[in-house]
């Protein structure tokens, strides 16, 4: 939880993303961070995101993408991300495969 920026982490341990209450933008940030933390706690060999930030406001999208890039570097992750947004793909992926 701490790695994803959820502080204090104890506040989020027993809560589901839909139970977070605050303003719309803050709720989006927290929900995404809770979902990322939940995925990482399992220590997957290949984290997978399907248009993981497509529906977020632009400011929140940038924060979550920066978080994903930081976690990728810190945890040495290889992540598969499906996205219809080519500009996003070029910013976060190496390599990019178009199908």
N, C-alpha and C. Protein backbone atom coordinates (compact mmCIF):
# COMPACT_ATOMS: atom_id res chain seq x y z
N UNK A 1 0.82 -1.19 0.00
CA UNK A 1 0.00 0.00 0.00
C UNK A 1 0.87 1.26 0.00
N UNK A 2 1.92 1.23 0.80
CA UNK A 2 2.80 2.40 0.87
C UNK A 2 3.46 2.69 -0.46
N UNK A 3 3.88 1.65 -1.17
CA UNK A 3 4.54 1.85 -2.46
C UNK A 3 3.65 2.52 -3.48
N UNK A 4 2.35 2.34 -3.35
CA UNK A 4 1.43 2.95 -4.31
C UNK A 4 0.98 4.34 -3.88
N UNK A 5 1.48 4.81 -2.71
CA UNK A 5 1.15 6.15 -2.26
C UNK A 5 -0.08 6.23 -1.38
N UNK A 6 -0.58 5.11 -0.90
CA UNK A 6 -1.73 5.11 -0.01
C UNK A 6 -1.24 5.22 1.42
N UNK A 7 -1.47 6.39 2.02
CA UNK A 7 -0.98 6.63 3.37
C UNK A 7 -2.07 7.24 4.22
N UNK A 8 -2.21 6.78 5.44
CA UNK A 8 -1.54 5.63 6.04
C UNK A 8 -2.12 4.33 5.49
N UNK A 9 -1.28 3.34 5.26
CA UNK A 9 -1.76 2.11 4.63
C UNK A 9 -2.83 1.38 5.43
N UNK A 10 -2.81 1.52 6.77
CA UNK A 10 -3.79 0.84 7.61
C UNK A 10 -5.21 1.27 7.26
N UNK A 11 -5.35 2.47 6.77
CA UNK A 11 -6.68 3.01 6.43
C UNK A 11 -7.31 2.24 5.26
N UNK A 12 -6.50 1.58 4.47
CA UNK A 12 -6.99 0.95 3.25
C UNK A 12 -7.01 -0.58 3.30
N UNK A 13 -6.43 -1.20 4.32
CA UNK A 13 -6.28 -2.66 4.36
C UNK A 13 -7.59 -3.41 4.16
N UNK A 14 -8.62 -3.04 4.86
CA UNK A 14 -9.86 -3.81 4.83
C UNK A 14 -10.95 -3.15 4.00
N UNK A 15 -10.56 -2.23 3.14
CA UNK A 15 -11.55 -1.53 2.32
C UNK A 15 -11.44 -1.94 0.87
N UNK A 16 -12.58 -2.00 0.21
CA UNK A 16 -12.64 -2.26 -1.22
C UNK A 16 -12.64 -0.92 -1.95
N UNK A 17 -12.21 -0.90 -3.20
CA UNK A 17 -12.14 0.38 -3.93
C UNK A 17 -13.46 1.15 -3.93
N UNK A 18 -14.60 0.47 -4.02
CA UNK A 18 -15.88 1.18 -4.06
C UNK A 18 -16.26 1.80 -2.71
N UNK A 19 -15.54 1.45 -1.65
CA UNK A 19 -15.83 1.98 -0.32
C UNK A 19 -15.08 3.26 -0.01
N UNK A 20 -14.24 3.70 -0.88
CA UNK A 20 -13.47 4.92 -0.65
C UNK A 20 -14.37 6.12 -0.86
N UNK A 21 -14.31 7.05 0.06
CA UNK A 21 -15.18 8.22 -0.06
C UNK A 21 -14.36 9.49 -0.01
N UNK A 22 -14.57 10.35 -0.96
CA UNK A 22 -13.93 11.66 -1.05
C UNK A 22 -14.37 12.26 -2.37
N UNK A 23 -13.71 13.30 -2.81
CA UNK A 23 -14.07 13.91 -4.08
C UNK A 23 -13.79 12.97 -5.25
N UNK A 24 -14.42 13.25 -6.39
CA UNK A 24 -14.31 12.38 -7.57
C UNK A 24 -12.87 12.13 -7.98
N UNK A 25 -12.07 13.17 -8.09
CA UNK A 25 -10.69 13.02 -8.53
C UNK A 25 -9.87 12.22 -7.52
N UNK A 26 -10.04 12.52 -6.24
CA UNK A 26 -9.32 11.79 -5.21
C UNK A 26 -9.77 10.33 -5.17
N UNK A 27 -11.05 10.09 -5.35
CA UNK A 27 -11.57 8.72 -5.36
C UNK A 27 -10.95 7.93 -6.52
N UNK A 28 -10.81 8.55 -7.69
CA UNK A 28 -10.17 7.87 -8.82
C UNK A 28 -8.73 7.50 -8.49
N UNK A 29 -8.01 8.45 -7.88
CA UNK A 29 -6.62 8.18 -7.51
C UNK A 29 -6.54 7.00 -6.55
N UNK A 30 -7.36 7.05 -5.51
CA UNK A 30 -7.31 6.01 -4.50
C UNK A 30 -7.72 4.66 -5.06
N UNK A 31 -8.77 4.62 -5.85
CA UNK A 31 -9.22 3.34 -6.41
C UNK A 31 -8.14 2.70 -7.26
N UNK A 32 -7.51 3.49 -8.11
CA UNK A 32 -6.46 2.94 -8.96
C UNK A 32 -5.30 2.43 -8.12
N UNK A 33 -4.92 3.19 -7.12
CA UNK A 33 -3.80 2.79 -6.26
C UNK A 33 -4.12 1.53 -5.47
N UNK A 34 -5.36 1.40 -4.97
CA UNK A 34 -5.77 0.19 -4.24
C UNK A 34 -5.73 -1.01 -5.18
N UNK A 35 -6.19 -0.84 -6.40
CA UNK A 35 -6.20 -1.96 -7.35
C UNK A 35 -4.77 -2.37 -7.72
N UNK A 36 -3.89 -1.40 -7.89
CA UNK A 36 -2.49 -1.70 -8.21
C UNK A 36 -1.84 -2.43 -7.03
N UNK A 37 -2.07 -1.93 -5.81
CA UNK A 37 -1.50 -2.57 -4.62
C UNK A 37 -2.02 -4.00 -4.49
N UNK A 38 -3.32 -4.19 -4.75
CA UNK A 38 -3.89 -5.53 -4.67
C UNK A 38 -3.28 -6.48 -5.68
N UNK A 39 -2.98 -5.98 -6.85
CA UNK A 39 -2.34 -6.83 -7.87
C UNK A 39 -0.90 -7.15 -7.50
N UNK A 40 -0.19 -6.18 -6.96
CA UNK A 40 1.23 -6.39 -6.65
C UNK A 40 1.46 -7.27 -5.43
N UNK A 41 0.50 -7.29 -4.50
CA UNK A 41 0.69 -8.09 -3.29
C UNK A 41 0.81 -9.58 -3.63
N UNK A 42 0.27 -9.98 -4.76
CA UNK A 42 0.36 -11.37 -5.20
C UNK A 42 1.69 -11.70 -5.87
N UNK A 43 2.52 -10.68 -6.06
CA UNK A 43 3.81 -10.83 -6.73
C UNK A 43 3.70 -11.58 -8.05
N UNK A 44 2.89 -11.06 -8.97
CA UNK A 44 2.70 -11.75 -10.24
C UNK A 44 3.95 -11.73 -11.10
N UNK A 45 4.11 -12.75 -11.92
CA UNK A 45 5.24 -12.77 -12.85
C UNK A 45 5.02 -11.78 -13.98
N UNK A 46 3.76 -11.58 -14.36
CA UNK A 46 3.44 -10.66 -15.44
C UNK A 46 2.18 -9.86 -15.09
N UNK A 47 2.35 -8.68 -14.46
CA UNK A 47 1.17 -7.84 -14.22
C UNK A 47 0.56 -7.45 -15.56
N UNK A 48 -0.74 -7.33 -15.59
CA UNK A 48 -1.47 -7.09 -16.82
C UNK A 48 -2.46 -5.96 -16.61
N UNK A 49 -2.48 -5.00 -17.51
CA UNK A 49 -3.44 -3.91 -17.43
C UNK A 49 -4.19 -3.75 -18.74
N UNK A 50 -5.50 -3.73 -18.66
CA UNK A 50 -6.33 -3.59 -19.85
C UNK A 50 -6.96 -2.20 -19.84
N UNK A 51 -6.41 -1.29 -20.63
CA UNK A 51 -6.87 0.11 -20.67
C UNK A 51 -7.01 0.63 -19.25
N UNK A 52 -5.98 0.41 -18.46
CA UNK A 52 -6.03 0.65 -17.02
C UNK A 52 -6.24 2.10 -16.62
N UNK A 53 -5.96 3.05 -17.49
CA UNK A 53 -6.14 4.45 -17.14
C UNK A 53 -7.02 5.19 -18.15
N UNK A 54 -7.64 4.48 -19.05
CA UNK A 54 -8.38 5.11 -20.14
C UNK A 54 -9.54 5.99 -19.66
N UNK A 55 -10.22 5.61 -18.60
CA UNK A 55 -11.40 6.36 -18.16
C UNK A 55 -11.10 7.42 -17.11
N UNK A 56 -9.85 7.62 -16.78
CA UNK A 56 -9.49 8.59 -15.74
C UNK A 56 -9.35 9.99 -16.30
N UNK A 57 -9.55 10.97 -15.42
CA UNK A 57 -9.29 12.36 -15.80
C UNK A 57 -7.81 12.49 -16.16
N UNK A 58 -7.48 13.45 -17.00
CA UNK A 58 -6.11 13.60 -17.49
C UNK A 58 -5.09 13.75 -16.37
N UNK A 59 -5.38 14.55 -15.36
CA UNK A 59 -4.41 14.76 -14.27
C UNK A 59 -4.19 13.47 -13.49
N UNK A 60 -5.26 12.74 -13.24
CA UNK A 60 -5.16 11.47 -12.51
C UNK A 60 -4.43 10.45 -13.37
N UNK A 61 -4.73 10.43 -14.67
CA UNK A 61 -4.08 9.50 -15.60
C UNK A 61 -2.56 9.67 -15.55
N UNK A 62 -2.11 10.92 -15.58
CA UNK A 62 -0.67 11.18 -15.53
C UNK A 62 -0.04 10.68 -14.24
N UNK A 63 -0.73 10.90 -13.12
CA UNK A 63 -0.21 10.43 -11.84
C UNK A 63 -0.10 8.91 -11.79
N UNK A 64 -1.13 8.23 -12.27
CA UNK A 64 -1.14 6.77 -12.22
C UNK A 64 -0.10 6.19 -13.18
N UNK A 65 0.04 6.78 -14.35
CA UNK A 65 1.08 6.33 -15.28
C UNK A 65 2.47 6.52 -14.67
N UNK A 66 2.69 7.66 -14.01
CA UNK A 66 3.98 7.89 -13.35
C UNK A 66 4.20 6.86 -12.25
N UNK A 67 3.16 6.53 -11.51
CA UNK A 67 3.26 5.51 -10.47
C UNK A 67 3.62 4.16 -11.08
N UNK A 68 2.95 3.79 -12.17
CA UNK A 68 3.25 2.51 -12.83
C UNK A 68 4.69 2.45 -13.32
N UNK A 69 5.18 3.55 -13.88
CA UNK A 69 6.57 3.59 -14.34
C UNK A 69 7.55 3.48 -13.18
N UNK A 70 7.25 4.16 -12.09
CA UNK A 70 8.12 4.09 -10.91
C UNK A 70 8.14 2.68 -10.34
N UNK A 71 6.96 2.06 -10.22
CA UNK A 71 6.88 0.70 -9.69
C UNK A 71 7.59 -0.29 -10.62
N UNK A 72 7.46 -0.05 -11.92
CA UNK A 72 8.14 -0.92 -12.88
C UNK A 72 9.64 -0.91 -12.64
N UNK A 73 10.19 0.29 -12.44
CA UNK A 73 11.63 0.42 -12.21
C UNK A 73 12.05 -0.12 -10.84
N UNK A 74 11.29 0.22 -9.80
CA UNK A 74 11.63 -0.21 -8.44
C UNK A 74 11.55 -1.72 -8.28
N UNK A 75 10.50 -2.31 -8.84
CA UNK A 75 10.25 -3.74 -8.65
C UNK A 75 10.76 -4.59 -9.81
N UNK A 76 11.34 -3.93 -10.79
CA UNK A 76 11.88 -4.61 -11.98
C UNK A 76 10.80 -5.48 -12.63
N UNK A 77 9.68 -4.84 -12.92
CA UNK A 77 8.53 -5.53 -13.49
C UNK A 77 8.52 -5.45 -15.01
N UNK A 78 8.02 -6.48 -15.61
CA UNK A 78 7.65 -6.46 -17.02
C UNK A 78 6.14 -6.46 -17.00
N UNK A 79 5.52 -5.45 -17.58
CA UNK A 79 4.07 -5.32 -17.52
C UNK A 79 3.49 -5.30 -18.91
N UNK A 80 2.44 -6.05 -19.10
CA UNK A 80 1.70 -6.06 -20.35
C UNK A 80 0.51 -5.12 -20.20
N UNK A 81 0.44 -4.11 -21.07
CA UNK A 81 -0.64 -3.12 -21.00
C UNK A 81 -1.34 -3.09 -22.35
N UNK A 82 -2.64 -3.27 -22.33
CA UNK A 82 -3.45 -3.12 -23.55
C UNK A 82 -4.07 -1.73 -23.51
N UNK A 83 -3.93 -0.99 -24.58
CA UNK A 83 -4.50 0.36 -24.61
C UNK A 83 -4.83 0.76 -26.04
N UNK A 84 -5.91 1.51 -26.21
CA UNK A 84 -6.22 2.05 -27.53
C UNK A 84 -5.51 3.38 -27.77
N UNK A 85 -4.82 3.89 -26.77
CA UNK A 85 -4.18 5.20 -26.82
C UNK A 85 -2.70 5.05 -27.16
N UNK A 86 -2.36 5.29 -28.41
CA UNK A 86 -0.97 5.10 -28.86
C UNK A 86 0.00 6.07 -28.18
N UNK A 87 -0.44 7.29 -27.87
CA UNK A 87 0.45 8.22 -27.18
C UNK A 87 0.81 7.68 -25.80
N UNK A 88 -0.16 7.08 -25.14
CA UNK A 88 0.12 6.45 -23.84
C UNK A 88 1.08 5.29 -24.01
N UNK A 89 0.87 4.49 -25.01
CA UNK A 89 1.72 3.32 -25.25
C UNK A 89 3.17 3.75 -25.45
N UNK A 90 3.39 4.77 -26.25
CA UNK A 90 4.76 5.22 -26.53
C UNK A 90 5.42 5.79 -25.29
N UNK A 91 4.63 6.36 -24.38
CA UNK A 91 5.20 6.95 -23.16
C UNK A 91 5.54 5.93 -22.09
N UNK A 92 4.83 4.81 -22.05
CA UNK A 92 5.06 3.88 -20.95
C UNK A 92 5.64 2.54 -21.37
N UNK A 93 5.69 2.28 -22.64
CA UNK A 93 6.08 0.94 -23.07
C UNK A 93 7.42 0.91 -23.78
N UNK A 94 8.05 -0.23 -23.62
CA UNK A 94 9.28 -0.50 -24.35
C UNK A 94 9.41 -2.02 -24.41
N UNK A 95 9.10 -2.65 -25.45
CA UNK A 95 8.72 -2.16 -26.78
C UNK A 95 7.21 -1.99 -26.90
N UNK A 96 6.78 -1.40 -28.01
CA UNK A 96 5.37 -1.26 -28.35
C UNK A 96 5.07 -2.20 -29.49
N UNK A 97 4.01 -2.97 -29.35
CA UNK A 97 3.57 -3.89 -30.40
C UNK A 97 2.16 -3.47 -30.80
N UNK A 98 1.94 -3.27 -32.07
CA UNK A 98 0.62 -2.87 -32.58
C UNK A 98 -0.01 -4.08 -33.26
N UNK A 99 -1.23 -4.36 -32.85
CA UNK A 99 -1.94 -5.51 -33.43
C UNK A 99 -3.20 -5.04 -34.10
